Structure formats: structure tokens, C-alpha cells
PDB file of N, CA and C in Angstrom:
ATOM      1  N   MET A   1       0.853  -1.176   0.000  1.00  0.00           N
ATOM      2  CA  MET A   1       0.000   0.000   0.000  1.00  0.00           C
ATOM      3  C   MET A   1       0.896   1.235   0.000  1.00  0.00           C
ATOM      4  N   THR A   2       0.624   2.122  -0.906  1.00  0.00           N
ATOM      5  CA  THR A   2       1.407   3.345  -0.991  1.00  0.00           C
ATOM      6  C   THR A   2       0.685   4.467  -0.248  1.00  0.00           C
ATOM      7  N   PHE A   3       1.398   5.558  -0.047  1.00  0.00           N
ATOM      8  CA  PHE A   3       0.781   6.705   0.618  1.00  0.00           C
ATOM      9  C   PHE A   3      -0.322   7.307  -0.241  1.00  0.00           C
ATOM     10  N   ASP A   4      -0.193   7.204  -1.560  1.00  0.00           N
ATOM     11  CA  ASP A   4      -1.258   7.695  -2.444  1.00  0.00           C
ATOM     12  C   ASP A   4      -2.552   6.931  -2.213  1.00  0.00           C
ATOM     13  N   SER A   5      -2.440   5.627  -2.051  1.00  0.00           N
ATOM     14  CA  SER A   5      -3.628   4.813  -1.785  1.00  0.00           C
ATOM     15  C   SER A   5      -4.255   5.186  -0.444  1.00  0.00           C
ATOM     16  N   LEU A   6      -3.405   5.418   0.541  1.00  0.00           N
ATOM     17  CA  LEU A   6      -3.907   5.790   1.861  1.00  0.00           C
ATOM     18  C   LEU A   6      -4.636   7.131   1.813  1.00  0.00           C
ATOM     19  N   TRP A   7      -4.055   8.112   1.148  1.00  0.00           N
ATOM     20  CA  TRP A   7      -4.694   9.428   1.044  1.00  0.00           C
ATOM     21  C   TRP A   7      -5.998   9.343   0.261  1.00  0.00           C
ATOM     22  N   THR A   8      -6.016   8.515  -0.779  1.00  0.00           N
ATOM     23  CA  THR A   8      -7.246   8.331  -1.545  1.00  0.00           C
ATOM     24  C   THR A   8      -8.332   7.715  -0.677  1.00  0.00           C
ATOM     25  N   ALA A   9      -7.972   6.711   0.100  1.00  0.00           N
ATOM     26  CA  ALA A   9      -8.942   6.062   0.988  1.00  0.00           C
ATOM     27  C   ALA A   9      -9.465   7.046   2.028  1.00  0.00           C
ATOM     28  N   LEU A  10      -8.580   7.832   2.627  1.00  0.00           N
ATOM     29  CA  LEU A  10      -9.018   8.812   3.624  1.00  0.00           C
ATOM     30  C   LEU A  10      -9.909   9.888   2.998  1.00  0.00           C
ATOM     31  N   ALA A  11      -9.585  10.295   1.781  1.00  0.00           N
ATOM     32  CA  ALA A  11     -10.411  11.286   1.088  1.00  0.00           C
ATOM     33  C   ALA A  11     -11.803  10.730   0.814  1.00  0.00           C
ATOM     34  N   LEU A  12     -11.879   9.476   0.404  1.00  0.00           N
ATOM     35  CA  LEU A  12     -13.188   8.852   0.165  1.00  0.00           C
ATOM     36  C   LEU A  12     -14.005   8.746   1.446  1.00  0.00           C
ATOM     37  N   VAL A  13     -13.351   8.439   2.556  1.00  0.00           N
ATOM     38  CA  VAL A  13     -14.049   8.391   3.845  1.00  0.00           C
ATOM     39  C   VAL A  13     -14.659   9.752   4.163  1.00  0.00           C
ATOM     40  N   LEU A  14     -13.891  10.806   3.958  1.00  0.00           N
ATOM     41  CA  LEU A  14     -14.400  12.154   4.232  1.00  0.00           C
ATOM     42  C   LEU A  14     -15.574  12.513   3.322  1.00  0.00           C
ATOM     43  N   VAL A  15     -15.484  12.138   2.053  1.00  0.00           N
ATOM     44  CA  VAL A  15     -16.583  12.417   1.123  1.00  0.00           C
ATOM     45  C   VAL A  15     -17.842  11.660   1.547  1.00  0.00           C
ATOM     46  N   ILE A  16     -17.691  10.383   1.838  1.00  0.00           N
ATOM     47  CA  ILE A  16     -18.850   9.568   2.221  1.00  0.00           C
ATOM     48  C   ILE A  16     -19.438  10.058   3.537  1.00  0.00           C
ATOM     49  N   GLU A  17     -18.590  10.385   4.505  1.00  0.00           N
ATOM     50  CA  GLU A  17     -19.072  10.877   5.799  1.00  0.00           C
ATOM     51  C   GLU A  17     -19.802  12.211   5.660  1.00  0.00           C
ATOM     52  N   GLY A  18     -19.433  13.011   4.694  1.00  0.00           N
ATOM     53  CA  GLY A  18     -20.055  14.316   4.527  1.00  0.00           C
ATOM     54  C   GLY A  18     -21.327  14.303   3.706  1.00  0.00           C
ATOM     55  N   LEU A  19     -21.602  13.210   3.007  1.00  0.00           N
ATOM     56  CA  LEU A  19     -22.772  13.167   2.132  1.00  0.00           C
ATOM     57  C   LEU A  19     -24.091  13.286   2.889  1.00  0.00           C
ATOM     58  N   LEU A  20     -24.295  12.497   3.925  1.00  0.00           N
ATOM     59  CA  LEU A  20     -25.584  12.502   4.623  1.00  0.00           C
ATOM     60  C   LEU A  20     -25.897  13.844   5.277  1.00  0.00           C
ATOM     61  N   PRO A  21     -24.974  14.435   6.045  1.00  0.00           N
ATOM     62  CA  PRO A  21     -25.311  15.739   6.619  1.00  0.00           C
ATOM     63  C   PRO A  21     -25.526  16.822   5.556  1.00  0.00           C
ATOM     64  N   PHE A  22     -24.873  16.695   4.399  1.00  0.00           N
ATOM     65  CA  PHE A  22     -25.068  17.676   3.332  1.00  0.00           C
ATOM     66  C   PHE A  22     -26.429  17.493   2.658  1.00  0.00           C
ATOM     67  N   LEU A  23     -26.793  16.250   2.383  1.00  0.00           N
ATOM     68  CA  LEU A  23     -28.032  15.979   1.654  1.00  0.00           C
ATOM     69  C   LEU A  23     -29.268  16.046   2.543  1.00  0.00           C
ATOM     70  N   SER A  24     -29.136  15.633   3.808  1.00  0.00           N
ATOM     71  CA  SER A  24     -30.293  15.603   4.709  1.00  0.00           C
ATOM     72  C   SER A  24     -29.862  15.966   6.127  1.00  0.00           C
ATOM     73  N   PRO A  25     -29.680  17.258   6.394  1.00  0.00           N
ATOM     74  CA  PRO A  25     -29.216  17.655   7.725  1.00  0.00           C
ATOM     75  C   PRO A  25     -30.177  17.241   8.845  1.00  0.00           C
ATOM     76  N   GLN A  26     -31.474  17.327   8.607  1.00  0.00           N
ATOM     77  CA  GLN A  26     -32.434  16.940   9.651  1.00  0.00           C
ATOM     78  C   GLN A  26     -32.385  15.443   9.922  1.00  0.00           C
ATOM     79  N   GLY A  27     -32.287  14.633   8.866  1.00  0.00           N
ATOM     80  CA  GLY A  27     -32.175  13.186   9.042  1.00  0.00           C
ATOM     81  C   GLY A  27     -30.895  12.816   9.766  1.00  0.00           C
ATOM     82  N   TRP A  28     -29.815  13.508   9.427  1.00  0.00           N
ATOM     83  CA  TRP A  28     -28.542  13.251  10.098  1.00  0.00           C
ATOM     84  C   TRP A  28     -28.627  13.609  11.581  1.00  0.00           C
ATOM     85  N   ARG A  29     -29.264  14.740  11.872  1.00  0.00           N
ATOM     86  CA  ARG A  29     -29.416  15.181  13.261  1.00  0.00           C
ATOM     87  C   ARG A  29     -30.244  14.163  14.056  1.00  0.00           C
ATOM     88  N   ARG A  30     -31.327  13.652  13.443  1.00  0.00           N
ATOM     89  CA  ARG A  30     -32.150  12.633  14.118  1.00  0.00           C
ATOM     90  C   ARG A  30     -31.341  11.370  14.382  1.00  0.00           C
ATOM     91  N   ALA A  31     -30.576  10.937  13.381  1.00  0.00           N
ATOM     92  CA  ALA A  31     -29.775   9.721  13.543  1.00  0.00           C
ATOM     93  C   ALA A  31     -28.751   9.885  14.657  1.00  0.00           C
ATOM     94  N   VAL A  32     -28.083  11.025  14.694  1.00  0.00           N
ATOM     95  CA  VAL A  32     -27.070  11.269  15.728  1.00  0.00           C
ATOM     96  C   VAL A  32     -27.719  11.317  17.116  1.00  0.00           C
ATOM     97  N   SER A  33     -28.893  11.926  17.217  1.00  0.00           N
ATOM     98  CA  SER A  33     -29.556  11.993  18.525  1.00  0.00           C
ATOM     99  C   SER A  33     -30.008  10.610  18.971  1.00  0.00           C
ATOM    100  N   GLN A  34     -30.412   9.746  18.038  1.00  0.00           N
ATOM    101  CA  GLN A  34     -30.786   8.382  18.401  1.00  0.00           C
ATOM    102  C   GLN A  34     -29.558   7.574  18.813  1.00  0.00           C
ATOM    103  N   ILE A  35     -28.444   7.793  18.128  1.00  0.00           N
ATOM    104  CA  ILE A  35     -27.204   7.098  18.497  1.00  0.00           C
ATOM    105  C   ILE A  35     -26.768   7.519  19.901  1.00  0.00           C
ATOM    106  N   ALA A  36     -26.971   8.789  20.245  1.00  0.00           N
ATOM    107  CA  ALA A  36     -26.568   9.283  21.565  1.00  0.00           C
ATOM    108  C   ALA A  36     -27.348   8.600  22.680  1.00  0.00           C
ATOM    109  N   LEU A  37     -28.512   8.055  22.371  1.00  0.00           N
ATOM    110  CA  LEU A  37     -29.329   7.379  23.380  1.00  0.00           C
ATOM    111  C   LEU A  37     -28.912   5.929  23.615  1.00  0.00           C
ATOM    112  N   LEU A  38     -28.068   5.392  22.742  1.00  0.00           N
ATOM    113  CA  LEU A  38     -27.637   4.003  22.878  1.00  0.00           C
ATOM    114  C   LEU A  38     -26.659   3.845  24.037  1.00  0.00           C
ATOM    115  N   GLN A  39     -26.627   2.653  24.575  1.00  0.00           N
ATOM    116  CA  GLN A  39     -25.666   2.315  25.638  1.00  0.00           C
ATOM    117  C   GLN A  39     -24.276   2.174  25.013  1.00  0.00           C
ATOM    118  N   ASP A  40     -23.239   2.311  25.823  1.00  0.00           N
ATOM    119  CA  ASP A  40     -21.866   2.194  25.327  1.00  0.00           C
ATOM    120  C   ASP A  40     -21.618   0.841  24.664  1.00  0.00           C
ATOM    121  N   GLY A  41     -22.135  -0.226  25.267  1.00  0.00           N
ATOM    122  CA  GLY A  41     -21.944  -1.563  24.710  1.00  0.00           C
ATOM    123  C   GLY A  41     -22.577  -1.709  23.338  1.00  0.00           C
ATOM    124  N   GLN A  42     -23.740  -1.089  23.131  1.00  0.00           N
ATOM    125  CA  GLN A  42     -24.398  -1.144  21.833  1.00  0.00           C
ATOM    126  C   GLN A  42     -23.582  -0.403  20.776  1.00  0.00           C
ATOM    127  N   ILE A  43     -23.056   0.745  21.148  1.00  0.00           N
ATOM    128  CA  ILE A  43     -22.238   1.516  20.214  1.00  0.00           C
ATOM    129  C   ILE A  43     -20.977   0.737  19.856  1.00  0.00           C
ATOM    130  N   ARG A  44     -20.350   0.120  20.853  1.00  0.00           N
ATOM    131  CA  ARG A  44     -19.146  -0.673  20.598  1.00  0.00           C
ATOM    132  C   ARG A  44     -19.445  -1.857  19.679  1.00  0.00           C
ATOM    133  N   PHE A  45     -20.618  -2.499  19.874  1.00  0.00           N
ATOM    134  CA  PHE A  45     -20.995  -3.633  19.042  1.00  0.00           C
ATOM    135  C   PHE A  45     -21.139  -3.208  17.583  1.00  0.00           C
ATOM    136  N   PHE A  46     -21.842  -2.116  17.335  1.00  0.00           N
ATOM    137  CA  PHE A  46     -22.009  -1.640  15.963  1.00  0.00           C
ATOM    138  C   PHE A  46     -20.675  -1.184  15.365  1.00  0.00           C
ATOM    139  N   ALA A  47     -19.821  -0.597  16.185  1.00  0.00           N
ATOM    140  CA  ALA A  47     -18.495  -0.195  15.704  1.00  0.00           C
ATOM    141  C   ALA A  47     -17.680  -1.430  15.322  1.00  0.00           C
ATOM    142  N   LEU A  48     -17.758  -2.472  16.134  1.00  0.00           N
ATOM    143  CA  LEU A  48     -17.048  -3.718  15.835  1.00  0.00           C
ATOM    144  C   LEU A  48     -17.560  -4.327  14.531  1.00  0.00           C
ATOM    145  N   LEU A  49     -18.882  -4.327  14.338  1.00  0.00           N
ATOM    146  CA  LEU A  49     -19.435  -4.839  13.082  1.00  0.00           C
ATOM    147  C   LEU A  49     -18.912  -4.046  11.885  1.00  0.00           C
ATOM    148  N   THR A  50     -18.817  -2.736  12.043  1.00  0.00           N
ATOM    149  CA  THR A  50     -18.309  -1.892  10.976  1.00  0.00           C
ATOM    150  C   THR A  50     -16.851  -2.211  10.676  1.00  0.00           C
ATOM    151  N   ILE A  51     -16.049  -2.388  11.710  1.00  0.00           N
ATOM    152  CA  ILE A  51     -14.634  -2.718  11.527  1.00  0.00           C
ATOM    153  C   ILE A  51     -14.484  -4.068  10.826  1.00  0.00           C
ATOM    154  N   VAL A  52     -15.242  -5.057  11.268  1.00  0.00           N
ATOM    155  CA  VAL A  52     -15.170  -6.393  10.661  1.00  0.00           C
ATOM    156  C   VAL A  52     -15.597  -6.337   9.194  1.00  0.00           C
ATOM    157  N   ALA A  53     -16.665  -5.592   8.907  1.00  0.00           N
ATOM    158  CA  ALA A  53     -17.120  -5.461   7.517  1.00  0.00           C
ATOM    159  C   ALA A  53     -16.047  -4.785   6.659  1.00  0.00           C
ATOM    160  N   GLY A  54     -15.411  -3.754   7.184  1.00  0.00           N
ATOM    161  CA  GLY A  54     -14.351  -3.071   6.446  1.00  0.00           C
ATOM    162  C   GLY A  54     -13.147  -3.960   6.185  1.00  0.00           C
ATOM    163  N   VAL A  55     -12.747  -4.715   7.185  1.00  0.00           N
ATOM    164  CA  VAL A  55     -11.607  -5.622   7.019  1.00  0.00           C
ATOM    165  C   VAL A  55     -11.965  -6.720   6.008  1.00  0.00           C
ATOM    166  N   ALA A  56     -13.194  -7.226   6.086  1.00  0.00           N
ATOM    167  CA  ALA A  56     -13.620  -8.258   5.134  1.00  0.00           C
ATOM    168  C   ALA A  56     -13.620  -7.708   3.710  1.00  0.00           C
ATOM    169  N   MET A  57     -14.081  -6.474   3.542  1.00  0.00           N
ATOM    170  CA  MET A  57     -14.079  -5.873   2.204  1.00  0.00           C
ATOM    171  C   MET A  57     -12.664  -5.690   1.683  1.00  0.00           C
ATOM    172  N   LEU A  58     -11.744  -5.309   2.540  1.00  0.00           N
ATOM    173  CA  LEU A  58     -10.343  -5.165   2.119  1.00  0.00           C
ATOM    174  C   LEU A  58      -9.734  -6.523   1.767  1.00  0.00           C
ATOM    175  N   TRP A  59     -10.119  -7.531   2.522  1.00  0.00           N
ATOM    176  CA  TRP A  59      -9.559  -8.864   2.318  1.00  0.00           C
ATOM    177  C   TRP A  59     -10.014  -9.450   0.981  1.00  0.00           C
ATOM    178  N   PHE A  60     -11.295  -9.213   0.645  1.00  0.00           N
ATOM    179  CA  PHE A  60     -11.821  -9.742  -0.613  1.00  0.00           C
ATOM    180  C   PHE A  60     -11.443  -8.813  -1.728  1.00  0.00           C
TER     181      PHE A  60
END
């Protein structure tokens, strides 16, 4: 993996992360407020699922 690939990946993350609040600020605000109501263990579980999915996508 080169630094160019890393910067490209980080840039794509920023673009994807910015899409929802740009396209639907109210929906994003609702989602964030619902996430804030979750227990720490629930947030960690969903974060772990996200990490596993990302690693699996990189592996394949």
C-alpha cells in the first residue's frame, strides 16, 4: 500500500461521511440523537461490526 492509496482512501471516507449531513441535515441530526441514546456496549458492538465489515471488504 502506498501513501497515495492511503490518502485516496481517507479522502473517500471524508466524502462519504459528509454526504448525509449535506443531503439531509435533519435526518442526520435525528440519527445522531438516536445514536446518543444508545448504551456504550451497543455503540461498541455496531463499531465492531463496521470494523469487521471493512476488514472483510479489504480482504476480498
